[in-house]
Amino acid sequence: MRVRDYDLPDELHYHAEHTWVRVEGDGRVRIGLNHFAQAAAGDITYVDLPFEGDEVEKEDTCGKIQSSKWVGKLIAPISGEIAEINEELENDATLINQDCYGEGWIVVIEPSNLEEELGDLMQGEAAATWLESEIDKVEKEKEGD
């Protein structure tokens, strides 16, 4: 689906901290930054990734993303163990800007409570409505500057 200028793939689940979650065939979840967030950030210059094997709790900070405009926290949308990190981001963090839903993924988590926590994330029209409100907030902030 498209919300204004931003892609919001229907098969993904979305967290209010602008991450997406893709459930993979092996039950793991791949996580990245959504199209709107990476566009608003500008060129991503650095990603501070967690370590494989780290345990994360939903809503906890599990990394940092830095661009020429800001430094933001990477918030875990799902609890579990970090199974894999995208090591390519250490060499080229702009992969997030180039392909946020593909090669620019950030981490893979082996979830500890997937069914319950997945239900807390947004999909479809709920995600589209939420993103519309996020875009409106940013536009109002720009008008106030």
N, C-alpha and C. Protein backbone atom coordinates (compact mmCIF):
# COMPACT_ATOMS: atom_id res chain seq x y z
N MET A 1 0.85 -1.16 0.00
CA MET A 1 0.00 0.00 0.00
C MET A 1 0.90 1.23 0.00
N ARG A 2 0.37 2.32 -0.48
CA ARG A 2 1.11 3.58 -0.53
C ARG A 2 0.32 4.60 0.29
N VAL A 3 1.03 5.30 1.17
CA VAL A 3 0.43 6.38 1.97
C VAL A 3 1.18 7.65 1.60
N ARG A 4 0.50 8.51 0.85
CA ARG A 4 1.13 9.69 0.26
C ARG A 4 2.36 9.25 -0.53
N ASP A 5 3.55 9.70 -0.14
CA ASP A 5 4.75 9.36 -0.90
C ASP A 5 5.49 8.14 -0.36
N TYR A 6 4.89 7.41 0.57
CA TYR A 6 5.62 6.36 1.29
C TYR A 6 5.02 4.98 1.08
N ASP A 7 5.92 4.02 0.87
CA ASP A 7 5.49 2.62 0.74
C ASP A 7 5.26 2.03 2.13
N LEU A 8 4.22 1.21 2.22
CA LEU A 8 3.87 0.51 3.45
C LEU A 8 3.40 -0.89 3.04
N PRO A 9 4.36 -1.80 2.77
CA PRO A 9 3.97 -3.13 2.27
C PRO A 9 2.94 -3.81 3.18
N ASP A 10 1.92 -4.37 2.57
CA ASP A 10 0.80 -4.98 3.29
C ASP A 10 1.19 -6.18 4.14
N GLU A 11 2.21 -6.93 3.71
CA GLU A 11 2.56 -8.16 4.43
C GLU A 11 3.35 -7.90 5.71
N LEU A 12 3.76 -6.67 5.92
CA LEU A 12 4.56 -6.34 7.11
C LEU A 12 3.67 -5.87 8.26
N HIS A 13 4.23 -5.96 9.46
CA HIS A 13 3.60 -5.43 10.67
C HIS A 13 4.42 -4.22 11.08
N TYR A 14 3.75 -3.21 11.65
CA TYR A 14 4.44 -1.94 11.95
C TYR A 14 4.31 -1.57 13.42
N HIS A 15 5.41 -1.03 13.95
CA HIS A 15 5.48 -0.57 15.33
C HIS A 15 5.46 0.96 15.31
N ALA A 16 4.91 1.56 16.34
CA ALA A 16 4.78 3.02 16.42
C ALA A 16 6.12 3.76 16.47
N GLU A 17 7.22 3.04 16.70
CA GLU A 17 8.54 3.67 16.68
C GLU A 17 9.18 3.54 15.30
N HIS A 18 8.35 3.35 14.29
CA HIS A 18 8.76 3.35 12.88
C HIS A 18 9.61 2.18 12.43
N THR A 19 9.43 1.04 13.08
CA THR A 19 10.07 -0.17 12.59
C THR A 19 9.02 -1.07 11.94
N TRP A 20 9.50 -1.94 11.08
CA TRP A 20 8.63 -2.95 10.47
C TRP A 20 9.10 -4.33 10.90
N VAL A 21 8.18 -5.29 10.84
CA VAL A 21 8.45 -6.67 11.22
C VAL A 21 7.94 -7.58 10.11
N ARG A 22 8.81 -8.46 9.63
CA ARG A 22 8.42 -9.48 8.64
C ARG A 22 8.62 -10.84 9.29
N VAL A 23 7.55 -11.63 9.38
CA VAL A 23 7.66 -12.99 9.92
C VAL A 23 8.20 -13.88 8.80
N GLU A 24 9.30 -14.55 9.09
CA GLU A 24 9.95 -15.41 8.11
C GLU A 24 9.44 -16.84 8.27
N GLY A 25 9.72 -17.67 7.30
CA GLY A 25 9.24 -19.04 7.28
C GLY A 25 9.71 -19.89 8.45
N ASP A 26 10.86 -19.52 9.03
CA ASP A 26 11.40 -20.30 10.15
C ASP A 26 10.90 -19.79 11.50
N GLY A 27 9.95 -18.84 11.48
CA GLY A 27 9.40 -18.30 12.73
C GLY A 27 10.16 -17.12 13.28
N ARG A 28 11.32 -16.83 12.70
CA ARG A 28 12.07 -15.65 13.12
C ARG A 28 11.42 -14.42 12.51
N VAL A 29 11.80 -13.25 13.02
CA VAL A 29 11.29 -12.00 12.46
C VAL A 29 12.44 -11.10 12.04
N ARG A 30 12.31 -10.55 10.86
CA ARG A 30 13.29 -9.60 10.33
C ARG A 30 12.73 -8.20 10.58
N ILE A 31 13.60 -7.29 11.00
CA ILE A 31 13.16 -5.96 11.43
C ILE A 31 13.97 -4.88 10.71
N GLY A 32 13.30 -3.81 10.37
CA GLY A 32 13.97 -2.67 9.75
C GLY A 32 13.23 -1.38 10.04
N LEU A 33 13.71 -0.31 9.45
CA LEU A 33 13.15 1.03 9.61
C LEU A 33 12.20 1.29 8.45
N ASN A 34 11.02 1.85 8.72
CA ASN A 34 10.05 2.03 7.63
C ASN A 34 10.46 3.16 6.68
N HIS A 35 9.80 3.20 5.53
CA HIS A 35 10.11 4.14 4.46
C HIS A 35 10.02 5.60 4.93
N PHE A 36 8.97 5.94 5.63
CA PHE A 36 8.79 7.30 6.12
C PHE A 36 9.94 7.71 7.03
N ALA A 37 10.31 6.85 7.98
CA ALA A 37 11.35 7.20 8.95
C ALA A 37 12.71 7.38 8.29
N GLN A 38 13.06 6.48 7.36
CA GLN A 38 14.36 6.62 6.72
C GLN A 38 14.40 7.85 5.83
N ALA A 39 13.28 8.19 5.21
CA ALA A 39 13.24 9.40 4.37
C ALA A 39 13.34 10.66 5.24
N ALA A 40 12.65 10.67 6.36
CA ALA A 40 12.70 11.82 7.27
C ALA A 40 14.09 11.99 7.88
N ALA A 41 14.79 10.88 8.11
CA ALA A 41 16.12 10.93 8.72
C ALA A 41 17.16 11.51 7.78
N GLY A 42 16.95 11.36 6.49
CA GLY A 42 18.00 11.73 5.55
C GLY A 42 18.99 10.59 5.44
N ASP A 43 20.16 10.87 4.91
CA ASP A 43 21.16 9.81 4.72
C ASP A 43 21.60 9.23 6.05
N ILE A 44 21.37 7.94 6.23
CA ILE A 44 21.80 7.24 7.43
C ILE A 44 23.32 7.09 7.35
N THR A 45 24.01 7.53 8.39
CA THR A 45 25.47 7.50 8.38
C THR A 45 26.06 6.41 9.27
N TYR A 46 25.30 5.96 10.25
CA TYR A 46 25.84 4.99 11.20
C TYR A 46 24.70 4.26 11.90
N VAL A 47 24.90 2.96 12.11
CA VAL A 47 23.94 2.17 12.87
C VAL A 47 24.71 1.43 13.96
N ASP A 48 24.30 1.63 15.21
CA ASP A 48 24.88 0.93 16.35
C ASP A 48 24.00 -0.29 16.60
N LEU A 49 24.52 -1.46 16.23
CA LEU A 49 23.73 -2.69 16.28
C LEU A 49 23.96 -3.45 17.58
N PRO A 50 22.95 -4.19 18.03
CA PRO A 50 23.15 -5.07 19.18
C PRO A 50 24.04 -6.24 18.77
N PHE A 51 24.38 -7.09 19.71
CA PHE A 51 25.18 -8.27 19.42
C PHE A 51 24.29 -9.48 19.22
N GLU A 52 24.69 -10.37 18.32
CA GLU A 52 23.97 -11.64 18.17
C GLU A 52 24.02 -12.35 19.52
N GLY A 53 22.89 -12.91 19.92
CA GLY A 53 22.78 -13.59 21.21
C GLY A 53 22.21 -12.71 22.30
N ASP A 54 22.21 -11.38 22.09
CA ASP A 54 21.60 -10.47 23.07
C ASP A 54 20.11 -10.75 23.19
N GLU A 55 19.59 -10.65 24.39
CA GLU A 55 18.15 -10.74 24.63
C GLU A 55 17.58 -9.33 24.61
N VAL A 56 16.46 -9.15 23.93
CA VAL A 56 15.79 -7.84 23.91
C VAL A 56 14.35 -8.01 24.35
N GLU A 57 13.84 -6.99 25.01
CA GLU A 57 12.44 -6.95 25.40
C GLU A 57 11.72 -5.95 24.50
N LYS A 58 10.51 -6.27 24.14
CA LYS A 58 9.69 -5.34 23.35
C LYS A 58 9.69 -3.98 24.03
N GLU A 59 9.84 -2.93 23.25
CA GLU A 59 9.86 -1.53 23.67
C GLU A 59 11.20 -1.06 24.22
N ASP A 60 12.18 -1.95 24.36
CA ASP A 60 13.50 -1.55 24.83
C ASP A 60 14.34 -1.05 23.66
N THR A 61 15.29 -0.17 23.96
CA THR A 61 16.25 0.28 22.97
C THR A 61 17.23 -0.86 22.69
N CYS A 62 17.40 -1.16 21.42
CA CYS A 62 18.34 -2.24 21.07
C CYS A 62 19.39 -1.79 20.06
N GLY A 63 19.46 -0.49 19.83
CA GLY A 63 20.45 0.06 18.92
C GLY A 63 20.20 1.53 18.70
N LYS A 64 21.07 2.14 17.89
CA LYS A 64 20.91 3.55 17.54
C LYS A 64 21.13 3.72 16.05
N ILE A 65 20.43 4.69 15.51
CA ILE A 65 20.55 5.02 14.09
C ILE A 65 20.91 6.49 14.02
N GLN A 66 21.95 6.79 13.26
CA GLN A 66 22.41 8.19 13.16
C GLN A 66 22.38 8.62 11.70
N SER A 67 21.91 9.84 11.50
CA SER A 67 21.94 10.42 10.16
C SER A 67 22.57 11.80 10.28
N SER A 68 22.63 12.49 9.16
CA SER A 68 23.17 13.85 9.20
C SER A 68 22.23 14.80 9.94
N LYS A 69 20.97 14.37 10.14
CA LYS A 69 19.97 15.22 10.80
C LYS A 69 19.76 14.91 12.28
N TRP A 70 19.89 13.63 12.68
CA TRP A 70 19.56 13.26 14.05
C TRP A 70 20.16 11.91 14.45
N VAL A 71 20.07 11.63 15.73
CA VAL A 71 20.38 10.30 16.26
C VAL A 71 19.10 9.77 16.87
N GLY A 72 18.70 8.58 16.47
CA GLY A 72 17.47 8.00 16.99
C GLY A 72 17.71 6.63 17.58
N LYS A 73 16.81 6.23 18.45
CA LYS A 73 16.89 4.91 19.07
C LYS A 73 16.19 3.89 18.19
N LEU A 74 16.76 2.69 18.15
CA LEU A 74 16.10 1.55 17.52
C LEU A 74 15.38 0.81 18.64
N ILE A 75 14.07 0.82 18.58
CA ILE A 75 13.24 0.22 19.62
C ILE A 75 12.79 -1.17 19.15
N ALA A 76 12.98 -2.16 20.01
CA ALA A 76 12.59 -3.53 19.66
C ALA A 76 11.06 -3.65 19.60
N PRO A 77 10.52 -4.04 18.44
CA PRO A 77 9.07 -4.22 18.33
C PRO A 77 8.59 -5.57 18.85
N ILE A 78 9.54 -6.49 19.06
CA ILE A 78 9.26 -7.87 19.47
C ILE A 78 10.33 -8.29 20.47
N SER A 79 9.96 -9.07 21.47
CA SER A 79 10.93 -9.62 22.43
C SER A 79 11.56 -10.88 21.88
N GLY A 80 12.81 -11.13 22.28
CA GLY A 80 13.47 -12.36 21.89
C GLY A 80 14.97 -12.21 21.87
N GLU A 81 15.61 -13.13 21.17
CA GLU A 81 17.07 -13.14 21.08
C GLU A 81 17.50 -12.66 19.69
N ILE A 82 18.51 -11.79 19.67
CA ILE A 82 19.05 -11.33 18.39
C ILE A 82 19.73 -12.53 17.72
N ALA A 83 19.17 -12.98 16.61
CA ALA A 83 19.69 -14.15 15.91
C ALA A 83 20.70 -13.76 14.83
N GLU A 84 20.53 -12.54 14.31
CA GLU A 84 21.39 -12.11 13.21
C GLU A 84 21.35 -10.58 13.14
N ILE A 85 22.47 -9.99 12.78
CA ILE A 85 22.51 -8.55 12.50
C ILE A 85 22.92 -8.37 11.05
N ASN A 86 22.54 -7.27 10.48
CA ASN A 86 22.92 -6.98 9.10
C ASN A 86 24.30 -6.33 9.12
N GLU A 87 25.32 -7.16 8.99
CA GLU A 87 26.70 -6.67 9.05
C GLU A 87 27.03 -5.73 7.91
N GLU A 88 26.29 -5.81 6.82
CA GLU A 88 26.52 -4.90 5.68
C GLU A 88 26.32 -3.44 6.07
N LEU A 89 25.49 -3.20 7.08
CA LEU A 89 25.23 -1.82 7.52
C LEU A 89 26.46 -1.18 8.15
N GLU A 90 27.38 -2.02 8.67
CA GLU A 90 28.60 -1.48 9.26
C GLU A 90 29.47 -0.82 8.19
N ASN A 91 29.40 -1.32 6.96
CA ASN A 91 30.17 -0.75 5.85
C ASN A 91 29.40 0.31 5.09
N ASP A 92 28.08 0.17 5.05
CA ASP A 92 27.26 1.10 4.27
C ASP A 92 25.87 1.22 4.89
N ALA A 93 25.75 2.14 5.85
CA ALA A 93 24.48 2.34 6.54
C ALA A 93 23.40 2.91 5.62
N THR A 94 23.81 3.49 4.48
CA THR A 94 22.81 4.04 3.56
C THR A 94 21.99 2.95 2.87
N LEU A 95 22.33 1.67 3.08
CA LEU A 95 21.48 0.60 2.57
C LEU A 95 20.05 0.76 3.10
N ILE A 96 19.92 1.31 4.30
CA ILE A 96 18.59 1.56 4.87
C ILE A 96 17.83 2.54 3.98
N ASN A 97 18.52 3.59 3.50
CA ASN A 97 17.88 4.56 2.62
C ASN A 97 17.59 3.98 1.24
N GLN A 98 18.50 3.15 0.76
CA GLN A 98 18.39 2.62 -0.60
C GLN A 98 17.32 1.55 -0.72
N ASP A 99 17.14 0.72 0.33
CA ASP A 99 16.23 -0.42 0.24
C ASP A 99 15.76 -0.81 1.64
N CYS A 100 14.96 0.05 2.25
CA CYS A 100 14.60 -0.13 3.66
C CYS A 100 13.84 -1.42 3.94
N TYR A 101 13.12 -1.96 2.95
CA TYR A 101 12.36 -3.18 3.17
C TYR A 101 13.07 -4.44 2.64
N GLY A 102 14.28 -4.25 2.11
CA GLY A 102 15.02 -5.36 1.55
C GLY A 102 16.41 -5.44 2.15
N GLU A 103 17.43 -5.05 1.36
CA GLU A 103 18.83 -5.15 1.79
C GLU A 103 19.14 -4.28 3.00
N GLY A 104 18.29 -3.31 3.30
CA GLY A 104 18.52 -2.41 4.43
C GLY A 104 17.91 -2.88 5.75
N TRP A 105 17.54 -4.16 5.84
CA TRP A 105 17.03 -4.69 7.11
C TRP A 105 18.09 -4.49 8.19
N ILE A 106 17.69 -4.53 9.46
CA ILE A 106 18.63 -4.24 10.54
C ILE A 106 18.98 -5.47 11.37
N VAL A 107 17.98 -6.16 11.91
CA VAL A 107 18.25 -7.35 12.74
C VAL A 107 17.20 -8.42 12.47
N VAL A 108 17.56 -9.65 12.86
CA VAL A 108 16.62 -10.77 12.87
C VAL A 108 16.54 -11.22 14.33
N ILE A 109 15.31 -11.40 14.80
CA ILE A 109 15.07 -11.82 16.18
C ILE A 109 14.39 -13.19 16.19
N GLU A 110 14.85 -14.03 17.10
CA GLU A 110 14.17 -15.30 17.41
C GLU A 110 13.17 -14.93 18.50
N PRO A 111 11.89 -14.76 18.15
CA PRO A 111 10.93 -14.22 19.11
C PRO A 111 10.62 -15.17 20.27
N SER A 112 10.36 -14.58 21.43
CA SER A 112 10.02 -15.39 22.61
C SER A 112 8.51 -15.42 22.84
N ASN A 113 7.77 -14.49 22.22
CA ASN A 113 6.33 -14.42 22.46
C ASN A 113 5.63 -13.85 21.22
N LEU A 114 5.91 -14.45 20.07
CA LEU A 114 5.50 -13.87 18.80
C LEU A 114 3.99 -13.67 18.66
N GLU A 115 3.21 -14.69 18.94
CA GLU A 115 1.76 -14.58 18.69
C GLU A 115 1.13 -13.42 19.45
N GLU A 116 1.46 -13.28 20.72
CA GLU A 116 0.88 -12.21 21.52
C GLU A 116 1.39 -10.83 21.07
N GLU A 117 2.69 -10.72 20.88
CA GLU A 117 3.27 -9.42 20.55
C GLU A 117 2.97 -8.98 19.13
N LEU A 118 2.84 -9.91 18.21
CA LEU A 118 2.50 -9.56 16.83
C LEU A 118 1.14 -8.88 16.77
N GLY A 119 0.23 -9.30 17.64
CA GLY A 119 -1.09 -8.69 17.69
C GLY A 119 -1.09 -7.25 18.15
N ASP A 120 0.00 -6.82 18.79
CA ASP A 120 0.12 -5.43 19.24
C ASP A 120 0.61 -4.50 18.13
N LEU A 121 1.06 -5.06 17.04
CA LEU A 121 1.58 -4.26 15.93
C LEU A 121 0.47 -3.93 14.94
N MET A 122 0.73 -2.96 14.07
CA MET A 122 -0.28 -2.50 13.12
C MET A 122 -0.07 -3.12 11.74
N GLN A 123 -1.18 -3.29 11.03
CA GLN A 123 -1.16 -3.76 9.65
C GLN A 123 -2.29 -3.09 8.90
N GLY A 124 -2.22 -3.11 7.57
CA GLY A 124 -3.32 -2.65 6.72
C GLY A 124 -3.78 -1.24 7.01
N GLU A 125 -5.09 -1.07 7.08
CA GLU A 125 -5.68 0.26 7.26
C GLU A 125 -5.25 0.92 8.58
N ALA A 126 -5.08 0.13 9.62
CA ALA A 126 -4.63 0.70 10.90
C ALA A 126 -3.25 1.31 10.74
N ALA A 127 -2.37 0.64 10.03
CA ALA A 127 -1.02 1.16 9.79
C ALA A 127 -1.08 2.40 8.91
N ALA A 128 -1.93 2.38 7.90
CA ALA A 128 -2.06 3.53 6.99
C ALA A 128 -2.58 4.76 7.73
N THR A 129 -3.59 4.57 8.57
CA THR A 129 -4.15 5.68 9.35
C THR A 129 -3.10 6.25 10.29
N TRP A 130 -2.36 5.37 10.95
CA TRP A 130 -1.30 5.80 11.85
C TRP A 130 -0.24 6.60 11.09
N LEU A 131 0.19 6.10 9.93
CA LEU A 131 1.23 6.80 9.18
C LEU A 131 0.74 8.17 8.70
N GLU A 132 -0.51 8.25 8.28
CA GLU A 132 -1.08 9.55 7.90
C GLU A 132 -0.94 10.55 9.04
N SER A 133 -1.25 10.12 10.26
CA SER A 133 -1.16 11.03 11.41
C SER A 133 0.29 11.41 11.70
N GLU A 134 1.23 10.48 11.50
CA GLU A 134 2.65 10.78 11.71
C GLU A 134 3.13 11.81 10.68
N ILE A 135 2.72 11.67 9.43
CA ILE A 135 3.08 12.62 8.38
C ILE A 135 2.51 13.99 8.72
N ASP A 136 1.24 14.03 9.15
CA ASP A 136 0.60 15.30 9.53
C ASP A 136 1.37 16.00 10.66
N LYS A 137 1.81 15.23 11.66
CA LYS A 137 2.57 15.80 12.78
C LYS A 137 3.84 16.49 12.29
N VAL A 138 4.56 15.80 11.42
CA VAL A 138 5.82 16.35 10.91
C VAL A 138 5.56 17.61 10.08
N GLU A 139 4.52 17.57 9.27
CA GLU A 139 4.20 18.74 8.44
C GLU A 139 3.80 19.93 9.32
N LYS A 140 3.05 19.69 10.39
CA LYS A 140 2.68 20.79 11.30
C LYS A 140 3.90 21.36 12.02
N GLU A 141 4.83 20.48 12.40
CA GLU A 141 6.06 20.93 13.05
C GLU A 141 6.87 21.83 12.10
N LYS A 142 6.93 21.45 10.82
CA LYS A 142 7.66 22.23 9.84
C LYS A 142 7.02 23.61 9.65
N GLU A 143 5.68 23.65 9.67
CA GLU A 143 4.97 24.93 9.53
C GLU A 143 5.27 25.85 10.71
N GLY A 144 5.46 25.27 11.89
CA GLY A 144 5.72 26.05 13.08
C GLY A 144 7.14 26.61 13.15
N ASP A 145 8.06 26.06 12.37
CA ASP A 145 9.46 26.52 12.39
C ASP A 145 9.64 27.86 11.75
